Amino acid sequence: MTSHLFYQTSARRPRIARAEGIYAWDTDGKRYIDGCSGAMISNIGHSNPRVLAAMKRQMDKATFAYRLHFENEPAETLATRLASLAPAGLDRVFFTSGGSEAVESCLKLARQYALACRQPERTHIISLYPSYHGSTLGAVAVTGMQPFVEPFRDMIRVMSTIPAGACYLDHDDLSHEQRGLRYAELLKQEIERL
């Protein structure tokens, strides 16, 4: 069957007909365990009845209210809840439509903060590898997986990466505290290098 969707490879994938909880079924009825939670977004499972009911209630009222023009009660309620769970002083919330946009917004916020502090020279971000931060060019610039970065290297300013702490990959007898200090030292060295 021909597809008009753009995929990264020509290999065909199972066509999913439905999903519930941790499972997805293809059009032939074969069941799969969705170990990735969709694209890491279905953490509470597919077709969660409470989530579907809440979505339906809201869509019956209004499907979208652009934040530059309107306020809406569900966003205010969730922001209040999140602020109450955050450490003291972290009392503002910024919602985005997905992970790539969230990362891009964080990069822009960090830049705006540096400018507000009259430190325009602060333009570098240090991230971890391996890591995937999204599909926008800003997110790719801080992604720590070279196959995702390479095609766009000439279009972006690739940022520094340091190894992510991964105890199961460290074949040594260090304590967690010693290992943490080792990773902190790697970060310190990268900061000093810049």
N, C-alpha and C. Protein backbone atom coordinates (compact mmCIF):
# COMPACT_ATOMS: atom_id res chain seq x y z
N MET A 1 0.84 -1.18 0.00
CA MET A 1 0.00 0.00 0.00
C MET A 1 0.89 1.24 0.00
N THR A 2 0.61 2.19 -0.85
CA THR A 2 1.37 3.43 -0.95
C THR A 2 0.93 4.40 0.15
N SER A 3 1.90 5.08 0.73
CA SER A 3 1.59 6.09 1.74
C SER A 3 2.05 7.44 1.24
N HIS A 4 1.27 8.46 1.51
CA HIS A 4 1.65 9.82 1.17
C HIS A 4 2.25 10.55 2.37
N LEU A 5 2.40 9.82 3.48
CA LEU A 5 3.07 10.39 4.64
C LEU A 5 4.57 10.33 4.44
N PHE A 6 5.28 11.32 4.97
CA PHE A 6 6.73 11.34 4.86
C PHE A 6 7.32 10.58 6.04
N TYR A 7 8.01 9.50 5.76
CA TYR A 7 8.70 8.71 6.77
C TYR A 7 10.20 8.84 6.53
N GLN A 8 10.99 8.63 7.56
CA GLN A 8 12.45 8.75 7.42
C GLN A 8 13.04 7.60 6.62
N THR A 9 12.39 6.45 6.61
CA THR A 9 12.87 5.31 5.84
C THR A 9 11.70 4.74 5.03
N SER A 10 12.03 3.90 4.07
CA SER A 10 10.97 3.29 3.26
C SER A 10 10.41 2.03 3.90
N ALA A 11 11.03 1.57 4.99
CA ALA A 11 10.53 0.37 5.67
C ALA A 11 9.12 0.63 6.20
N ARG A 12 8.24 -0.32 5.99
CA ARG A 12 6.86 -0.18 6.46
C ARG A 12 6.77 -0.62 7.92
N ARG A 13 5.88 0.00 8.62
CA ARG A 13 5.66 -0.29 10.03
C ARG A 13 4.26 -0.87 10.20
N PRO A 14 4.03 -1.53 11.33
CA PRO A 14 2.66 -2.02 11.57
C PRO A 14 1.70 -0.83 11.63
N ARG A 15 0.53 -0.99 11.07
CA ARG A 15 -0.49 0.06 11.10
C ARG A 15 -1.36 -0.19 12.32
N ILE A 16 -1.35 0.74 13.25
CA ILE A 16 -2.07 0.57 14.51
C ILE A 16 -3.54 0.93 14.32
N ALA A 17 -4.39 0.02 14.78
CA ALA A 17 -5.84 0.21 14.68
C ALA A 17 -6.40 0.78 15.98
N ARG A 18 -5.83 0.35 17.11
CA ARG A 18 -6.30 0.86 18.40
C ARG A 18 -5.22 0.62 19.45
N ALA A 19 -5.36 1.30 20.59
CA ALA A 19 -4.41 1.14 21.69
C ALA A 19 -5.14 1.35 23.00
N GLU A 20 -4.72 0.61 24.00
CA GLU A 20 -5.33 0.71 25.34
C GLU A 20 -4.29 0.31 26.37
N GLY A 21 -4.13 1.16 27.39
CA GLY A 21 -3.13 0.87 28.41
C GLY A 21 -1.74 0.84 27.79
N ILE A 22 -1.00 -0.25 28.04
CA ILE A 22 0.35 -0.37 27.47
C ILE A 22 0.36 -1.08 26.13
N TYR A 23 -0.81 -1.47 25.63
CA TYR A 23 -0.88 -2.28 24.42
C TYR A 23 -1.39 -1.49 23.22
N ALA A 24 -0.91 -1.90 22.05
CA ALA A 24 -1.41 -1.39 20.77
C ALA A 24 -1.65 -2.59 19.87
N TRP A 25 -2.72 -2.54 19.08
CA TRP A 25 -3.07 -3.62 18.16
C TRP A 25 -3.00 -3.09 16.73
N ASP A 26 -2.41 -3.90 15.84
CA ASP A 26 -2.36 -3.48 14.44
C ASP A 26 -3.63 -3.90 13.72
N THR A 27 -3.71 -3.57 12.45
CA THR A 27 -4.92 -3.85 11.67
C THR A 27 -5.14 -5.34 11.45
N ASP A 28 -4.11 -6.16 11.70
CA ASP A 28 -4.26 -7.62 11.62
C ASP A 28 -4.61 -8.24 12.96
N GLY A 29 -4.74 -7.41 14.00
CA GLY A 29 -5.09 -7.90 15.32
C GLY A 29 -3.90 -8.29 16.18
N LYS A 30 -2.68 -8.13 15.68
CA LYS A 30 -1.49 -8.47 16.47
C LYS A 30 -1.30 -7.43 17.55
N ARG A 31 -1.03 -7.90 18.78
CA ARG A 31 -0.88 -7.02 19.93
C ARG A 31 0.60 -6.74 20.19
N TYR A 32 0.91 -5.49 20.50
CA TYR A 32 2.27 -5.05 20.81
C TYR A 32 2.28 -4.40 22.19
N ILE A 33 3.38 -4.54 22.91
CA ILE A 33 3.59 -3.75 24.13
C ILE A 33 4.26 -2.46 23.69
N ASP A 34 3.66 -1.34 24.02
CA ASP A 34 4.22 -0.04 23.67
C ASP A 34 5.20 0.37 24.76
N GLY A 35 6.44 -0.08 24.63
CA GLY A 35 7.46 0.21 25.63
C GLY A 35 7.98 1.63 25.58
N CYS A 36 7.61 2.40 24.59
CA CYS A 36 8.06 3.80 24.47
C CYS A 36 6.99 4.79 24.90
N SER A 37 5.83 4.31 25.30
CA SER A 37 4.72 5.21 25.65
C SER A 37 4.42 6.16 24.51
N GLY A 38 4.19 5.59 23.34
CA GLY A 38 4.03 6.43 22.15
C GLY A 38 5.39 7.01 21.84
N ALA A 39 5.47 8.31 21.74
CA ALA A 39 6.76 8.99 21.60
C ALA A 39 7.12 9.58 22.96
N MET A 40 7.06 8.75 23.97
CA MET A 40 7.31 9.13 25.36
C MET A 40 6.26 10.12 25.87
N ILE A 41 5.03 10.01 25.36
CA ILE A 41 3.98 10.95 25.76
C ILE A 41 2.76 10.28 26.38
N SER A 42 2.69 8.96 26.32
CA SER A 42 1.51 8.25 26.84
C SER A 42 1.86 7.55 28.14
N ASN A 43 2.45 8.28 29.06
CA ASN A 43 2.98 7.69 30.29
C ASN A 43 1.93 7.04 31.16
N ILE A 44 0.70 7.44 31.05
CA ILE A 44 -0.36 6.81 31.86
C ILE A 44 -1.18 5.85 31.03
N GLY A 45 -0.66 5.50 29.86
CA GLY A 45 -1.32 4.51 29.03
C GLY A 45 -2.22 5.13 27.98
N HIS A 46 -2.45 4.36 26.94
CA HIS A 46 -3.34 4.79 25.86
C HIS A 46 -4.79 4.66 26.30
N SER A 47 -5.63 5.54 25.81
CA SER A 47 -7.09 5.50 26.01
C SER A 47 -7.48 5.48 27.48
N ASN A 48 -6.74 6.20 28.30
CA ASN A 48 -7.06 6.28 29.73
C ASN A 48 -8.44 6.92 29.88
N PRO A 49 -9.40 6.22 30.48
CA PRO A 49 -10.78 6.73 30.56
C PRO A 49 -10.90 8.09 31.23
N ARG A 50 -10.14 8.33 32.30
CA ARG A 50 -10.22 9.62 33.00
C ARG A 50 -9.71 10.75 32.11
N VAL A 51 -8.62 10.47 31.39
CA VAL A 51 -8.05 11.50 30.51
C VAL A 51 -9.02 11.78 29.36
N LEU A 52 -9.56 10.72 28.76
CA LEU A 52 -10.50 10.90 27.65
C LEU A 52 -11.73 11.69 28.10
N ALA A 53 -12.24 11.39 29.28
CA ALA A 53 -13.42 12.10 29.79
C ALA A 53 -13.11 13.58 30.01
N ALA A 54 -11.94 13.87 30.59
CA ALA A 54 -11.55 15.26 30.82
C ALA A 54 -11.37 16.00 29.49
N MET A 55 -10.77 15.33 28.51
CA MET A 55 -10.60 15.95 27.19
C MET A 55 -11.95 16.24 26.56
N LYS A 56 -12.86 15.32 26.66
CA LYS A 56 -14.20 15.49 26.07
C LYS A 56 -14.94 16.65 26.74
N ARG A 57 -14.87 16.70 28.08
CA ARG A 57 -15.53 17.80 28.80
C ARG A 57 -15.00 19.16 28.33
N GLN A 58 -13.68 19.25 28.19
CA GLN A 58 -13.10 20.52 27.77
C GLN A 58 -13.43 20.83 26.32
N MET A 59 -13.37 19.84 25.44
CA MET A 59 -13.66 20.09 24.03
C MET A 59 -15.11 20.49 23.81
N ASP A 60 -16.00 20.03 24.68
CA ASP A 60 -17.39 20.45 24.59
C ASP A 60 -17.54 21.94 24.93
N LYS A 61 -16.58 22.49 25.70
CA LYS A 61 -16.63 23.91 26.08
C LYS A 61 -15.84 24.77 25.09
N ALA A 62 -14.57 24.45 24.90
CA ALA A 62 -13.70 25.21 23.99
C ALA A 62 -12.49 24.34 23.68
N THR A 63 -12.11 24.30 22.41
CA THR A 63 -10.98 23.45 22.03
C THR A 63 -9.64 24.16 22.12
N PHE A 64 -9.64 25.49 22.06
CA PHE A 64 -8.37 26.21 22.10
C PHE A 64 -8.62 27.66 22.47
N ALA A 65 -7.73 28.22 23.26
CA ALA A 65 -7.77 29.65 23.60
C ALA A 65 -6.34 30.16 23.56
N TYR A 66 -6.00 30.92 22.55
CA TYR A 66 -4.64 31.39 22.34
C TYR A 66 -4.20 32.29 23.48
N ARG A 67 -3.09 31.95 24.11
CA ARG A 67 -2.66 32.60 25.35
C ARG A 67 -2.34 34.08 25.22
N LEU A 68 -2.05 34.56 24.03
CA LEU A 68 -1.79 35.99 23.88
C LEU A 68 -3.08 36.81 23.86
N HIS A 69 -4.21 36.13 23.66
CA HIS A 69 -5.49 36.85 23.56
C HIS A 69 -6.48 36.48 24.66
N PHE A 70 -6.34 35.28 25.23
CA PHE A 70 -7.35 34.80 26.18
C PHE A 70 -6.70 34.08 27.36
N GLU A 71 -7.44 34.01 28.45
CA GLU A 71 -7.13 33.14 29.58
C GLU A 71 -8.14 32.02 29.57
N ASN A 72 -7.80 30.90 30.22
CA ASN A 72 -8.80 29.83 30.35
C ASN A 72 -8.62 29.13 31.68
N GLU A 73 -9.73 28.69 32.23
CA GLU A 73 -9.76 28.12 33.58
C GLU A 73 -8.90 26.85 33.72
N PRO A 74 -8.96 25.89 32.79
CA PRO A 74 -8.14 24.69 32.97
C PRO A 74 -6.64 24.99 33.04
N ALA A 75 -6.16 25.91 32.21
CA ALA A 75 -4.74 26.26 32.25
C ALA A 75 -4.39 26.93 33.58
N GLU A 76 -5.26 27.83 34.05
CA GLU A 76 -5.02 28.50 35.33
C GLU A 76 -5.02 27.50 36.48
N THR A 77 -5.96 26.57 36.45
CA THR A 77 -6.05 25.56 37.52
C THR A 77 -4.81 24.69 37.55
N LEU A 78 -4.39 24.22 36.38
CA LEU A 78 -3.20 23.36 36.33
C LEU A 78 -1.95 24.13 36.72
N ALA A 79 -1.83 25.38 36.29
CA ALA A 79 -0.67 26.19 36.66
C ALA A 79 -0.60 26.38 38.17
N THR A 80 -1.74 26.64 38.79
CA THR A 80 -1.79 26.79 40.25
C THR A 80 -1.35 25.50 40.94
N ARG A 81 -1.83 24.38 40.44
CA ARG A 81 -1.45 23.08 41.02
C ARG A 81 0.04 22.83 40.89
N LEU A 82 0.59 23.06 39.70
CA LEU A 82 2.03 22.84 39.49
C LEU A 82 2.86 23.76 40.36
N ALA A 83 2.47 25.03 40.46
CA ALA A 83 3.21 25.98 41.30
C ALA A 83 3.19 25.56 42.76
N SER A 84 2.09 24.97 43.20
CA SER A 84 2.00 24.52 44.60
C SER A 84 2.92 23.33 44.87
N LEU A 85 3.26 22.58 43.85
CA LEU A 85 4.14 21.41 44.00
C LEU A 85 5.61 21.76 43.83
N ALA A 86 5.90 22.91 43.24
CA ALA A 86 7.27 23.31 42.95
C ALA A 86 7.94 23.90 44.19
N PRO A 87 9.27 23.91 44.22
CA PRO A 87 9.99 24.55 45.33
C PRO A 87 9.64 26.04 45.43
N ALA A 88 9.82 26.60 46.60
CA ALA A 88 9.52 28.02 46.84
C ALA A 88 10.24 28.89 45.82
N GLY A 89 9.54 29.88 45.30
CA GLY A 89 10.12 30.80 44.34
C GLY A 89 9.89 30.40 42.89
N LEU A 90 9.53 29.16 42.65
CA LEU A 90 9.21 28.72 41.29
C LEU A 90 7.69 28.72 41.17
N ASP A 91 7.15 29.88 40.83
CA ASP A 91 5.69 30.01 40.86
C ASP A 91 5.10 30.48 39.53
N ARG A 92 5.84 30.31 38.45
CA ARG A 92 5.32 30.63 37.12
C ARG A 92 5.40 29.38 36.25
N VAL A 93 4.41 29.23 35.38
CA VAL A 93 4.31 28.05 34.52
C VAL A 93 4.15 28.52 33.08
N PHE A 94 4.79 27.82 32.17
CA PHE A 94 4.66 28.12 30.74
C PHE A 94 4.33 26.82 30.04
N PHE A 95 3.14 26.73 29.46
CA PHE A 95 2.72 25.51 28.78
C PHE A 95 3.10 25.55 27.31
N THR A 96 3.47 24.41 26.79
CA THR A 96 3.77 24.28 25.36
C THR A 96 2.99 23.09 24.81
N SER A 97 3.03 22.94 23.50
CA SER A 97 2.26 21.86 22.89
C SER A 97 3.03 20.56 22.78
N GLY A 98 4.31 20.56 23.13
CA GLY A 98 5.07 19.32 23.04
C GLY A 98 6.50 19.51 23.50
N GLY A 99 7.25 18.42 23.46
CA GLY A 99 8.62 18.42 23.97
C GLY A 99 9.57 19.32 23.21
N SER A 100 9.53 19.28 21.89
CA SER A 100 10.44 20.12 21.10
C SER A 100 10.20 21.60 21.40
N GLU A 101 8.93 21.98 21.45
CA GLU A 101 8.61 23.37 21.75
C GLU A 101 9.02 23.73 23.18
N ALA A 102 8.90 22.80 24.10
CA ALA A 102 9.32 23.06 25.48
C ALA A 102 10.82 23.30 25.55
N VAL A 103 11.61 22.47 24.88
CA VAL A 103 13.06 22.64 24.87
C VAL A 103 13.42 23.97 24.22
N GLU A 104 12.82 24.25 23.08
CA GLU A 104 13.09 25.51 22.37
C GLU A 104 12.76 26.70 23.27
N SER A 105 11.65 26.63 23.99
CA SER A 105 11.26 27.72 24.89
C SER A 105 12.26 27.87 26.03
N CYS A 106 12.77 26.77 26.55
CA CYS A 106 13.78 26.84 27.61
C CYS A 106 15.06 27.50 27.12
N LEU A 107 15.48 27.17 25.90
CA LEU A 107 16.67 27.79 25.34
C LEU A 107 16.47 29.30 25.20
N LYS A 108 15.31 29.69 24.73
CA LYS A 108 15.01 31.11 24.56
C LYS A 108 14.91 31.81 25.92
N LEU A 109 14.32 31.15 26.90
CA LEU A 109 14.21 31.73 28.23
C LEU A 109 15.59 31.92 28.86
N ALA A 110 16.48 30.94 28.68
CA ALA A 110 17.84 31.06 29.21
C ALA A 110 18.55 32.26 28.57
N ARG A 111 18.35 32.44 27.27
CA ARG A 111 18.96 33.58 26.58
C ARG A 111 18.38 34.90 27.09
N GLN A 112 17.07 34.95 27.23
CA GLN A 112 16.44 36.18 27.72
C GLN A 112 16.92 36.52 29.13
N TYR A 113 17.12 35.49 29.96
CA TYR A 113 17.62 35.70 31.32
C TYR A 113 19.03 36.30 31.27
N ALA A 114 19.90 35.73 30.42
CA ALA A 114 21.27 36.25 30.31
C ALA A 114 21.25 37.71 29.89
N LEU A 115 20.40 38.05 28.94
CA LEU A 115 20.31 39.44 28.49
C LEU A 115 19.78 40.34 29.60
N ALA A 116 18.77 39.87 30.34
CA ALA A 116 18.21 40.66 31.45
C ALA A 116 19.25 40.90 32.54
N CYS A 117 20.18 39.96 32.69
CA CYS A 117 21.26 40.09 33.68
C CYS A 117 22.46 40.85 33.12
N ARG A 118 22.30 41.40 31.93
CA ARG A 118 23.37 42.14 31.24
C ARG A 118 24.62 41.28 31.05
N GLN A 119 24.38 40.03 30.63
CA GLN A 119 25.47 39.10 30.34
C GLN A 119 25.27 38.52 28.93
N PRO A 120 25.33 39.38 27.91
CA PRO A 120 25.04 38.91 26.55
C PRO A 120 26.03 37.87 26.04
N GLU A 121 27.18 37.78 26.68
CA GLU A 121 28.18 36.79 26.25
C GLU A 121 27.79 35.36 26.62
N ARG A 122 26.80 35.21 27.50
CA ARG A 122 26.37 33.86 27.91
C ARG A 122 25.45 33.29 26.83
N THR A 123 26.04 32.53 25.93
CA THR A 123 25.29 32.00 24.79
C THR A 123 25.44 30.50 24.64
N HIS A 124 26.09 29.85 25.57
CA HIS A 124 26.39 28.42 25.40
C HIS A 124 25.55 27.57 26.34
N ILE A 125 25.13 26.43 25.84
CA ILE A 125 24.36 25.45 26.61
C ILE A 125 25.18 24.16 26.68
N ILE A 126 25.20 23.53 27.83
CA ILE A 126 25.85 22.22 27.98
C ILE A 126 24.76 21.20 28.23
N SER A 127 24.72 20.16 27.42
CA SER A 127 23.72 19.11 27.61
C SER A 127 24.43 17.77 27.76
N LEU A 128 23.65 16.74 27.89
CA LEU A 128 24.19 15.39 28.12
C LEU A 128 24.15 14.55 26.86
N TYR A 129 25.04 13.56 26.80
CA TYR A 129 24.92 12.54 25.75
C TYR A 129 24.98 11.18 26.42
N PRO A 130 24.27 10.21 25.93
CA PRO A 130 23.31 10.33 24.84
C PRO A 130 22.06 11.07 25.31
N SER A 131 21.46 11.80 24.39
CA SER A 131 20.22 12.51 24.71
C SER A 131 19.51 12.89 23.42
N TYR A 132 18.21 13.00 23.52
CA TYR A 132 17.39 13.48 22.41
C TYR A 132 16.49 14.56 22.97
N HIS A 133 16.53 15.74 22.39
CA HIS A 133 15.77 16.86 22.93
C HIS A 133 14.68 17.38 22.03
N GLY A 134 14.55 16.84 20.82
CA GLY A 134 13.45 17.26 19.98
C GLY A 134 13.86 17.46 18.54
N SER A 135 12.89 17.93 17.74
CA SER A 135 13.08 18.01 16.29
C SER A 135 13.29 19.42 15.76
N THR A 136 13.18 20.44 16.58
CA THR A 136 13.46 21.79 16.10
C THR A 136 14.97 21.98 16.01
N LEU A 137 15.42 22.96 15.26
CA LEU A 137 16.86 23.17 15.11
C LEU A 137 17.53 23.52 16.45
N GLY A 138 16.86 24.29 17.29
CA GLY A 138 17.42 24.58 18.60
C GLY A 138 17.56 23.33 19.44
N ALA A 139 16.55 22.48 19.42
CA ALA A 139 16.60 21.23 20.18
C ALA A 139 17.68 20.31 19.63
N VAL A 140 17.84 20.28 18.31
CA VAL A 140 18.89 19.45 17.70
C VAL A 140 20.27 19.94 18.14
N ALA A 141 20.43 21.26 18.30
CA ALA A 141 21.72 21.82 18.70
C ALA A 141 22.18 21.33 20.07
N VAL A 142 21.23 20.95 20.93
CA VAL A 142 21.60 20.45 22.26
C VAL A 142 21.39 18.94 22.40
N THR A 143 21.06 18.29 21.31
CA THR A 143 20.88 16.83 21.33
C THR A 143 22.24 16.15 21.35
N GLY A 144 22.38 15.15 22.17
CA GLY A 144 23.64 14.44 22.30
C GLY A 144 23.62 13.10 21.59
N MET A 145 23.17 13.08 20.36
CA MET A 145 23.20 11.86 19.53
C MET A 145 23.57 12.30 18.12
N GLN A 146 24.80 12.04 17.74
CA GLN A 146 25.34 12.57 16.50
C GLN A 146 24.52 12.26 15.25
N PRO A 147 23.93 11.07 15.10
CA PRO A 147 23.13 10.84 13.89
C PRO A 147 21.98 11.83 13.71
N PHE A 148 21.46 12.37 14.81
CA PHE A 148 20.40 13.37 14.73
C PHE A 148 20.95 14.76 14.43
N VAL A 149 22.20 14.99 14.83
CA VAL A 149 22.81 16.32 14.70
C VAL A 149 23.46 16.52 13.33
N GLU A 150 24.17 15.51 12.85
CA GLU A 150 25.02 15.65 11.66
C GLU A 150 24.34 16.27 10.44
N PRO A 151 23.14 15.85 10.05
CA PRO A 151 22.56 16.44 8.83
C PRO A 151 22.34 17.95 8.92
N PHE A 152 22.30 18.48 10.14
CA PHE A 152 21.96 19.89 10.33
C PHE A 152 23.12 20.71 10.87
N ARG A 153 24.29 20.08 10.99
CA ARG A 153 25.45 20.73 11.62
C ARG A 153 25.76 22.10 11.00
N ASP A 154 25.66 22.23 9.69
CA ASP A 154 25.99 23.50 9.04
C ASP A 154 24.92 24.57 9.25
N MET A 155 23.77 24.20 9.78
CA MET A 155 22.68 25.15 9.97
C MET A 155 22.56 25.64 11.41
N ILE A 156 23.27 25.01 12.32
CA ILE A 156 23.10 25.31 13.74
C ILE A 156 24.44 25.51 14.42
N ARG A 157 24.39 26.03 15.61
CA ARG A 157 25.57 26.10 16.46
C ARG A 157 25.45 24.95 17.45
N VAL A 158 26.19 23.90 17.19
CA VAL A 158 26.12 22.71 18.04
C VAL A 158 26.74 23.04 19.40
N MET A 159 26.04 22.67 20.46
CA MET A 159 26.50 22.97 21.81
C MET A 159 27.29 21.80 22.39
N SER A 160 27.93 22.06 23.52
CA SER A 160 28.74 21.05 24.20
C SER A 160 27.87 19.96 24.81
N THR A 161 28.45 18.78 24.89
CA THR A 161 27.79 17.69 25.62
C THR A 161 28.81 17.04 26.55
N ILE A 162 28.30 16.56 27.65
CA ILE A 162 29.11 15.76 28.57
C ILE A 162 28.36 14.45 28.79
N PRO A 163 29.06 13.40 29.23
CA PRO A 163 28.37 12.11 29.40
C PRO A 163 27.30 12.17 30.48
N ALA A 164 26.18 11.54 30.19
CA ALA A 164 25.11 11.41 31.18
C ALA A 164 25.54 10.38 32.22
N GLY A 165 25.21 10.63 33.45
CA GLY A 165 25.51 9.65 34.49
C GLY A 165 24.74 8.37 34.26
N ALA A 166 25.44 7.29 34.09
CA ALA A 166 24.80 6.00 33.81
C ALA A 166 25.55 4.92 34.59
N CYS A 167 25.14 4.71 35.82
CA CYS A 167 25.84 3.76 36.70
C CYS A 167 26.00 2.39 36.07
N TYR A 168 24.98 1.93 35.37
CA TYR A 168 25.02 0.59 34.81
C TYR A 168 26.05 0.46 33.69
N LEU A 169 26.49 1.59 33.13
CA LEU A 169 27.52 1.55 32.10
C LEU A 169 28.92 1.77 32.65
N ASP A 170 29.00 2.28 33.87
CA ASP A 170 30.30 2.54 34.49
C ASP A 170 30.79 1.26 35.15
N HIS A 171 31.74 0.63 34.53
CA HIS A 171 32.26 -0.64 35.06
C HIS A 171 33.40 -0.34 36.02
N ASP A 172 33.04 0.09 37.21
CA ASP A 172 34.02 0.41 38.24
C ASP A 172 33.40 0.14 39.61
N ASP A 173 34.18 0.36 40.62
CA ASP A 173 33.71 0.10 41.99
C ASP A 173 33.47 1.39 42.76
N LEU A 174 33.19 2.46 42.07
CA LEU A 174 32.96 3.73 42.74
C LEU A 174 31.61 3.73 43.46
N SER A 175 31.56 4.46 44.57
CA SER A 175 30.29 4.65 45.25
C SER A 175 29.46 5.65 44.44
N HIS A 176 28.18 5.75 44.74
CA HIS A 176 27.34 6.72 44.04
C HIS A 176 27.87 8.14 44.25
N GLU A 177 28.34 8.42 45.46
CA GLU A 177 28.88 9.75 45.75
C GLU A 177 30.14 10.02 44.92
N GLN A 178 31.04 9.04 44.86
CA GLN A 178 32.26 9.21 44.06
C GLN A 178 31.93 9.39 42.58
N ARG A 179 30.98 8.61 42.11
CA ARG A 179 30.59 8.71 40.70
C ARG A 179 29.96 10.08 40.42
N GLY A 180 29.13 10.55 41.34
CA GLY A 180 28.53 11.87 41.19
C GLY A 180 29.59 12.96 41.12
N LEU A 181 30.60 12.84 41.96
CA LEU A 181 31.69 13.81 41.94
C LEU A 181 32.47 13.74 40.62
N ARG A 182 32.63 12.53 40.08
CA ARG A 182 33.33 12.39 38.80
C ARG A 182 32.55 13.12 37.70
N TYR A 183 31.23 12.92 37.66
CA TYR A 183 30.42 13.60 36.64
C TYR A 183 30.38 15.11 36.86
N ALA A 184 30.38 15.54 38.12
CA ALA A 184 30.42 16.98 38.41
C ALA A 184 31.74 17.57 37.93
N GLU A 185 32.82 16.82 38.07
CA GLU A 185 34.13 17.28 37.61
C GLU A 185 34.15 17.42 36.08
N LEU A 186 33.49 16.49 35.38
CA LEU A 186 33.40 16.60 33.92
C LEU A 186 32.67 17.88 33.51
N LEU A 187 31.60 18.20 34.23
CA LEU A 187 30.85 19.43 33.95
C LEU A 187 31.73 20.65 34.24
N LYS A 188 32.43 20.63 35.36
CA LYS A 188 33.31 21.74 35.72
C LYS A 188 34.37 21.96 34.64
N GLN A 189 34.97 20.88 34.17
CA GLN A 189 36.00 20.99 33.13
C GLN A 189 35.44 21.60 31.85
N GLU A 190 34.22 21.21 31.48
CA GLU A 190 33.61 21.76 30.26
C GLU A 190 33.29 23.24 30.43
N ILE A 191 32.81 23.62 31.60
CA ILE A 191 32.53 25.04 31.86
C ILE A 191 33.82 25.84 31.77
N GLU A 192 34.89 25.34 32.38
CA GLU A 192 36.17 26.05 32.35
C GLU A 192 36.75 26.11 30.94
N ARG A 193 36.50 25.08 30.14
CA ARG A 193 36.99 25.06 28.76
C ARG A 193 36.34 26.17 27.94
N LEU A 194 35.09 26.43 28.24
CA LEU A 194 34.36 27.45 27.49
C LEU A 194 34.78 28.84 27.91
